[in-house]
């Protein structure tokens, strides 16, 4: 028996200006609103992509937090960090820990 509640979960963070699609290989419910997304977690919008391995996604608040190595990619910027927090309906992202930024 697998300990996975959801295989290949798909979610989205929506606001008036953009949509951030979220995909992972597997997920487990932590409570009725929070889901632990694991393995190949990817956040994708028209402006950026974030990839990591573990994220806690809150479906009600439309927030996401990760404390695992992450990579953010946009047209002219790449950020490697020890984690991130997406909040304010996807309008704000805070990167945690040692971070390496490449501007083109």
N, C-alpha and C. Protein backbone atom coordinates (compact mmCIF):
# COMPACT_ATOMS: atom_id res chain seq x y z
N UNK A 1 0.83 -1.19 0.00
CA UNK A 1 0.00 0.00 0.00
C UNK A 1 0.87 1.25 0.00
N UNK A 2 0.47 2.20 -0.75
CA UNK A 2 1.19 3.46 -0.84
C UNK A 2 0.73 4.41 0.26
N UNK A 3 1.65 5.25 0.74
CA UNK A 3 1.31 6.26 1.74
C UNK A 3 0.95 7.58 1.10
N UNK A 4 0.67 7.59 -0.19
CA UNK A 4 0.36 8.81 -0.93
C UNK A 4 -1.15 9.00 -0.99
N UNK A 5 -1.62 10.21 -0.62
CA UNK A 5 -3.05 10.52 -0.71
C UNK A 5 -3.45 10.91 -2.14
N UNK A 6 -2.55 11.62 -2.85
CA UNK A 6 -2.85 12.11 -4.19
C UNK A 6 -1.67 11.80 -5.11
N UNK A 7 -1.94 11.19 -6.23
CA UNK A 7 -0.90 10.97 -7.23
C UNK A 7 -1.02 12.06 -8.29
N UNK A 8 0.10 12.66 -8.64
CA UNK A 8 0.19 13.75 -9.62
C UNK A 8 -0.82 14.87 -9.34
N UNK A 9 -0.77 15.47 -8.14
CA UNK A 9 -1.70 16.55 -7.81
C UNK A 9 -1.46 17.79 -8.67
N UNK A 10 -2.55 18.52 -8.95
CA UNK A 10 -2.51 19.76 -9.71
C UNK A 10 -3.37 20.79 -8.99
N UNK A 11 -2.81 21.97 -8.77
CA UNK A 11 -3.52 23.06 -8.12
C UNK A 11 -3.17 24.36 -8.83
N UNK A 12 -3.79 25.47 -8.38
CA UNK A 12 -3.47 26.79 -8.93
C UNK A 12 -3.65 27.85 -7.87
N UNK A 13 -2.84 28.89 -7.98
CA UNK A 13 -2.99 30.11 -7.19
C UNK A 13 -3.48 31.17 -8.18
N UNK A 14 -4.62 31.78 -7.88
CA UNK A 14 -5.23 32.74 -8.80
C UNK A 14 -5.35 34.11 -8.17
N UNK A 15 -5.10 35.13 -8.98
CA UNK A 15 -5.43 36.49 -8.58
C UNK A 15 -5.94 37.22 -9.81
N UNK A 16 -6.19 38.52 -9.70
CA UNK A 16 -6.79 39.26 -10.82
C UNK A 16 -5.88 39.34 -12.04
N UNK A 17 -4.57 39.27 -11.83
CA UNK A 17 -3.63 39.48 -12.93
C UNK A 17 -2.96 38.23 -13.47
N UNK A 18 -2.85 37.17 -12.65
CA UNK A 18 -2.14 35.99 -13.12
C UNK A 18 -2.61 34.72 -12.44
N UNK A 19 -2.16 33.62 -13.02
CA UNK A 19 -2.46 32.30 -12.48
C UNK A 19 -1.14 31.56 -12.37
N UNK A 20 -0.91 30.91 -11.22
CA UNK A 20 0.28 30.09 -11.02
C UNK A 20 -0.18 28.65 -10.91
N UNK A 21 0.20 27.83 -11.87
CA UNK A 21 -0.15 26.41 -11.85
C UNK A 21 0.88 25.65 -11.03
N UNK A 22 0.39 24.69 -10.25
CA UNK A 22 1.25 23.90 -9.37
C UNK A 22 1.07 22.43 -9.71
N UNK A 23 2.19 21.72 -9.86
CA UNK A 23 2.15 20.29 -10.15
C UNK A 23 3.22 19.58 -9.32
N UNK A 24 2.96 18.33 -8.99
CA UNK A 24 3.92 17.51 -8.23
C UNK A 24 3.69 16.05 -8.58
N UNK A 25 4.62 15.21 -8.15
CA UNK A 25 4.45 13.77 -8.38
C UNK A 25 3.49 13.14 -7.38
N UNK A 26 3.50 13.65 -6.12
CA UNK A 26 2.61 13.09 -5.12
C UNK A 26 2.30 14.11 -4.03
N UNK A 27 1.23 13.83 -3.28
CA UNK A 27 0.83 14.73 -2.20
C UNK A 27 0.14 13.99 -1.08
N UNK A 28 0.23 14.57 0.12
CA UNK A 28 -0.43 14.03 1.30
C UNK A 28 -1.14 15.15 2.04
N UNK A 29 -2.38 14.89 2.47
CA UNK A 29 -3.13 15.87 3.24
C UNK A 29 -2.54 15.96 4.64
N UNK A 30 -2.23 17.19 5.07
CA UNK A 30 -1.79 17.44 6.44
C UNK A 30 -2.99 17.78 7.32
N UNK A 31 -3.96 18.48 6.74
CA UNK A 31 -5.25 18.78 7.35
C UNK A 31 -6.20 19.12 6.20
N UNK A 32 -7.37 19.68 6.48
CA UNK A 32 -8.34 19.88 5.39
C UNK A 32 -7.88 20.92 4.35
N UNK A 33 -6.98 21.83 4.73
CA UNK A 33 -6.53 22.87 3.80
C UNK A 33 -5.10 22.68 3.31
N UNK A 34 -4.22 22.13 4.15
CA UNK A 34 -2.81 22.03 3.79
C UNK A 34 -2.45 20.67 3.21
N UNK A 35 -1.65 20.71 2.14
CA UNK A 35 -1.21 19.50 1.45
C UNK A 35 0.30 19.56 1.30
N UNK A 36 0.97 18.47 1.67
CA UNK A 36 2.41 18.36 1.44
C UNK A 36 2.61 17.80 0.04
N UNK A 37 3.19 18.62 -0.84
CA UNK A 37 3.49 18.20 -2.20
C UNK A 37 4.93 17.74 -2.23
N UNK A 38 5.19 16.59 -2.88
CA UNK A 38 6.55 16.03 -2.90
C UNK A 38 6.94 15.60 -4.30
N UNK A 39 8.24 15.63 -4.52
CA UNK A 39 8.89 15.14 -5.73
C UNK A 39 8.48 15.92 -6.98
N UNK A 40 9.48 16.54 -7.58
CA UNK A 40 9.29 17.28 -8.83
C UNK A 40 8.18 18.33 -8.74
N UNK A 41 8.19 19.11 -7.66
CA UNK A 41 7.18 20.15 -7.49
C UNK A 41 7.54 21.33 -8.38
N UNK A 42 6.56 21.77 -9.18
CA UNK A 42 6.82 22.86 -10.11
C UNK A 42 5.69 23.89 -10.05
N UNK A 43 6.07 25.16 -9.90
CA UNK A 43 5.16 26.29 -9.97
C UNK A 43 5.42 26.98 -11.30
N UNK A 44 4.37 27.21 -12.08
CA UNK A 44 4.58 27.80 -13.40
C UNK A 44 3.52 28.87 -13.67
N UNK A 45 4.01 30.05 -14.06
CA UNK A 45 3.13 31.13 -14.51
C UNK A 45 3.65 31.60 -15.86
N UNK A 46 3.04 32.63 -16.41
CA UNK A 46 3.54 33.20 -17.66
C UNK A 46 4.87 33.91 -17.46
N UNK A 47 5.21 34.26 -16.20
CA UNK A 47 6.40 35.04 -15.90
C UNK A 47 7.57 34.24 -15.32
N UNK A 48 7.30 33.10 -14.68
CA UNK A 48 8.37 32.38 -14.00
C UNK A 48 8.04 30.90 -13.81
N UNK A 49 9.09 30.17 -13.41
CA UNK A 49 8.97 28.76 -12.99
C UNK A 49 9.78 28.61 -11.70
N UNK A 50 9.24 27.90 -10.73
CA UNK A 50 9.98 27.53 -9.52
C UNK A 50 9.93 26.02 -9.42
N UNK A 51 11.11 25.40 -9.18
CA UNK A 51 11.18 23.95 -9.02
C UNK A 51 11.80 23.62 -7.67
N UNK A 52 11.25 22.62 -6.99
CA UNK A 52 11.75 22.17 -5.69
C UNK A 52 11.26 20.75 -5.45
N UNK A 53 11.52 20.20 -4.26
CA UNK A 53 11.13 18.82 -3.96
C UNK A 53 9.99 18.69 -2.95
N UNK A 54 9.86 19.63 -2.01
CA UNK A 54 8.81 19.56 -0.98
C UNK A 54 8.20 20.92 -0.76
N UNK A 55 6.87 20.98 -0.74
CA UNK A 55 6.15 22.24 -0.54
C UNK A 55 4.91 21.95 0.30
N UNK A 56 4.60 22.86 1.22
CA UNK A 56 3.31 22.81 1.90
C UNK A 56 2.43 23.86 1.23
N UNK A 57 1.37 23.39 0.60
CA UNK A 57 0.43 24.25 -0.12
C UNK A 57 -0.85 24.37 0.68
N UNK A 58 -1.29 25.60 0.94
CA UNK A 58 -2.55 25.85 1.64
C UNK A 58 -3.60 26.23 0.60
N UNK A 59 -4.55 25.34 0.37
CA UNK A 59 -5.57 25.56 -0.66
C UNK A 59 -6.49 26.74 -0.33
N UNK A 60 -6.80 26.94 0.95
CA UNK A 60 -7.72 28.00 1.34
C UNK A 60 -7.06 29.37 1.22
N UNK A 61 -5.84 29.50 1.75
CA UNK A 61 -5.13 30.79 1.73
C UNK A 61 -4.40 31.03 0.41
N UNK A 62 -4.28 29.99 -0.42
CA UNK A 62 -3.52 30.05 -1.67
C UNK A 62 -2.09 30.53 -1.42
N UNK A 63 -1.43 29.83 -0.47
CA UNK A 63 -0.03 30.11 -0.14
C UNK A 63 0.77 28.82 -0.31
N UNK A 64 2.09 28.98 -0.43
CA UNK A 64 2.97 27.82 -0.56
C UNK A 64 4.29 28.13 0.13
N UNK A 65 4.81 27.15 0.88
CA UNK A 65 6.08 27.31 1.59
C UNK A 65 6.95 26.09 1.35
N UNK A 66 8.24 26.35 1.12
CA UNK A 66 9.20 25.27 0.95
C UNK A 66 10.45 25.57 1.75
N UNK A 67 11.02 24.54 2.35
CA UNK A 67 12.29 24.66 3.07
C UNK A 67 13.33 23.76 2.42
N UNK A 68 13.14 23.46 1.13
CA UNK A 68 14.10 22.63 0.39
C UNK A 68 14.71 23.46 -0.74
N UNK A 69 15.87 23.02 -1.19
CA UNK A 69 16.57 23.70 -2.28
C UNK A 69 15.59 23.99 -3.41
N UNK A 70 15.62 25.23 -3.90
CA UNK A 70 14.67 25.66 -4.92
C UNK A 70 15.39 26.46 -6.00
N UNK A 71 14.83 26.42 -7.20
CA UNK A 71 15.35 27.23 -8.28
C UNK A 71 14.19 28.00 -8.92
N UNK A 72 14.38 29.31 -9.00
CA UNK A 72 13.42 30.23 -9.63
C UNK A 72 14.02 30.67 -10.95
N UNK A 73 13.24 30.58 -12.02
CA UNK A 73 13.72 31.01 -13.34
C UNK A 73 12.69 31.94 -13.97
N UNK A 74 13.17 33.08 -14.46
CA UNK A 74 12.34 33.97 -15.26
C UNK A 74 13.17 34.42 -16.45
N UNK A 75 12.63 35.31 -17.24
CA UNK A 75 13.30 35.70 -18.48
C UNK A 75 14.74 36.16 -18.26
N UNK A 76 14.99 37.02 -17.27
CA UNK A 76 16.32 37.58 -17.05
C UNK A 76 16.91 37.29 -15.68
N UNK A 77 16.28 36.40 -14.92
CA UNK A 77 16.73 36.15 -13.54
C UNK A 77 16.66 34.67 -13.20
N UNK A 78 17.68 34.21 -12.48
CA UNK A 78 17.68 32.87 -11.89
C UNK A 78 18.05 33.03 -10.43
N UNK A 79 17.29 32.40 -9.54
CA UNK A 79 17.57 32.46 -8.10
C UNK A 79 17.62 31.04 -7.56
N UNK A 80 18.75 30.67 -6.95
CA UNK A 80 18.87 29.41 -6.23
C UNK A 80 18.76 29.74 -4.75
N UNK A 81 17.89 29.03 -4.02
CA UNK A 81 17.70 29.35 -2.60
C UNK A 81 17.47 28.08 -1.80
N UNK A 82 17.42 28.26 -0.47
CA UNK A 82 17.16 27.15 0.45
C UNK A 82 15.66 26.98 0.72
N UNK A 83 14.82 27.74 0.03
CA UNK A 83 13.38 27.64 0.20
C UNK A 83 12.72 28.95 -0.18
N UNK A 84 11.39 28.96 -0.09
CA UNK A 84 10.64 30.16 -0.46
C UNK A 84 9.27 30.16 0.20
N UNK A 85 8.61 31.30 0.12
CA UNK A 85 7.25 31.48 0.61
C UNK A 85 6.50 32.28 -0.45
N UNK A 86 5.43 31.73 -0.99
CA UNK A 86 4.56 32.45 -1.92
C UNK A 86 3.31 32.82 -1.15
N UNK A 87 2.96 34.12 -1.15
CA UNK A 87 1.80 34.58 -0.40
C UNK A 87 1.15 35.76 -1.12
N UNK A 88 0.13 36.36 -0.52
CA UNK A 88 -0.62 37.47 -1.11
C UNK A 88 -1.14 37.06 -2.49
N UNK A 89 -1.80 35.89 -2.56
CA UNK A 89 -2.36 35.34 -3.79
C UNK A 89 -1.33 35.27 -4.93
N UNK A 90 -0.10 34.96 -4.59
CA UNK A 90 0.94 34.80 -5.61
C UNK A 90 1.62 36.09 -6.02
N UNK A 91 1.24 37.20 -5.42
CA UNK A 91 1.86 38.48 -5.76
C UNK A 91 3.23 38.67 -5.13
N UNK A 92 3.53 37.94 -4.05
CA UNK A 92 4.80 38.11 -3.35
C UNK A 92 5.48 36.76 -3.13
N UNK A 93 6.80 36.76 -3.33
CA UNK A 93 7.62 35.57 -3.08
C UNK A 93 8.82 36.00 -2.26
N UNK A 94 9.05 35.33 -1.14
CA UNK A 94 10.22 35.56 -0.31
C UNK A 94 11.11 34.32 -0.41
N UNK A 95 12.41 34.52 -0.64
CA UNK A 95 13.35 33.41 -0.72
C UNK A 95 14.10 33.30 0.59
N UNK A 96 14.37 32.06 1.05
CA UNK A 96 15.00 31.80 2.34
C UNK A 96 16.43 31.30 2.20
N UNK A 97 17.19 31.47 3.29
CA UNK A 97 18.52 30.87 3.40
C UNK A 97 19.52 31.46 2.46
N UNK A 98 20.59 30.71 2.25
CA UNK A 98 21.62 31.13 1.31
C UNK A 98 21.01 31.17 -0.07
N UNK A 99 21.15 32.30 -0.73
CA UNK A 99 20.57 32.45 -2.07
C UNK A 99 21.64 32.94 -3.04
N UNK A 100 21.53 32.50 -4.26
CA UNK A 100 22.45 32.88 -5.32
C UNK A 100 21.59 33.43 -6.45
N UNK A 101 21.85 34.68 -6.85
CA UNK A 101 21.04 35.34 -7.87
C UNK A 101 21.89 35.63 -9.10
N UNK A 102 21.35 35.29 -10.28
CA UNK A 102 22.00 35.58 -11.55
C UNK A 102 21.07 36.49 -12.35
N UNK A 103 21.54 37.69 -12.66
CA UNK A 103 20.78 38.63 -13.48
C UNK A 103 21.42 38.70 -14.85
N UNK A 104 20.62 38.64 -15.88
CA UNK A 104 21.16 38.67 -17.25
C UNK A 104 20.96 40.03 -17.88
